[in-house]
Amino acid sequence: MKVYTDRFILTPGPTEIPHRVRVALIRETSNPDLDPQFLQVYNETRDLLKELIGVR
């Protein structure tokens, strides 16, 4: 999977961005549809909801 490192913030400016926001913007993000941990939580939640409403 290719990770894109060039990011642009398209805001009118010049605009001052707080340091904590700049730090958050450089963190690597993942696609929740492909994240194994998300998929595990999703499947567990789905199974619990099935049990709650009586679906097989």
Protein backbone atom coordinates (compact mmCIF):
# COMPACT_ATOMS: atom_id res chain seq x y z
CA MET A 1 0.00 0.00 0.00
CA LYS A 2 1.39 3.39 -0.96
CA VAL A 3 1.58 6.01 1.78
CA TYR A 4 1.23 9.56 0.54
CA THR A 5 3.52 11.98 2.31
CA ASP A 6 2.73 15.15 0.38
CA ARG A 7 -0.21 16.84 2.05
CA PHE A 8 -1.65 20.24 1.41
CA ILE A 9 -3.97 22.21 3.65
CA LEU A 10 -6.28 24.18 1.39
CA THR A 11 -7.39 27.03 3.63
CA PRO A 12 -7.56 30.72 2.93
CA GLY A 13 -4.56 32.28 4.44
CA PRO A 14 -2.07 33.06 5.66
CA THR A 15 -3.55 31.27 8.65
CA GLU A 16 -1.67 30.44 11.83
CA ILE A 17 -2.07 26.79 12.78
CA PRO A 18 -1.47 25.77 16.41
CA HIS A 19 1.50 23.45 16.97
CA ARG A 20 -0.69 20.62 18.31
CA VAL A 21 -2.72 20.70 15.09
CA ARG A 22 0.41 20.55 12.94
CA VAL A 23 1.62 17.57 14.98
CA ALA A 24 -1.73 15.82 14.53
CA LEU A 25 -1.62 16.40 10.77
CA ILE A 26 1.70 14.59 10.35
CA ARG A 27 0.56 11.41 12.09
CA GLU A 28 0.11 8.43 9.81
CA THR A 29 -3.52 7.56 9.22
CA SER A 30 -4.99 4.31 8.05
CA ASN A 31 -8.09 3.34 6.19
CA PRO A 32 -10.56 1.97 8.77
CA ASP A 33 -11.92 -0.45 6.16
CA LEU A 34 -8.50 -2.11 5.95
CA ASP A 35 -7.36 -1.80 9.57
CA PRO A 36 -7.35 -5.27 11.20
CA GLN A 37 -8.04 -3.85 14.67
CA PHE A 38 -11.07 -1.91 13.40
CA LEU A 39 -12.35 -4.99 11.60
CA GLN A 40 -12.11 -7.04 14.80
CA VAL A 41 -14.06 -4.45 16.82
CA TYR A 42 -16.61 -4.11 14.01
CA ASN A 43 -17.19 -7.87 13.83
CA GLU A 44 -17.52 -8.20 17.60
CA THR A 45 -20.00 -5.31 17.68
CA ARG A 46 -21.98 -6.79 14.79
CA ASP A 47 -22.19 -10.16 16.53
CA LEU A 48 -23.35 -8.58 19.79
CA LEU A 49 -26.01 -6.58 17.95
CA LYS A 50 -27.22 -9.74 16.19
CA GLU A 51 -27.56 -11.43 19.57
CA LEU A 52 -29.35 -8.42 21.03
CA ILE A 53 -32.01 -8.26 18.32
CA GLY A 54 -32.25 -12.02 17.76
CA VAL A 55 -30.80 -12.29 14.26
CA ARG A 56 -29.00 -15.47 13.22
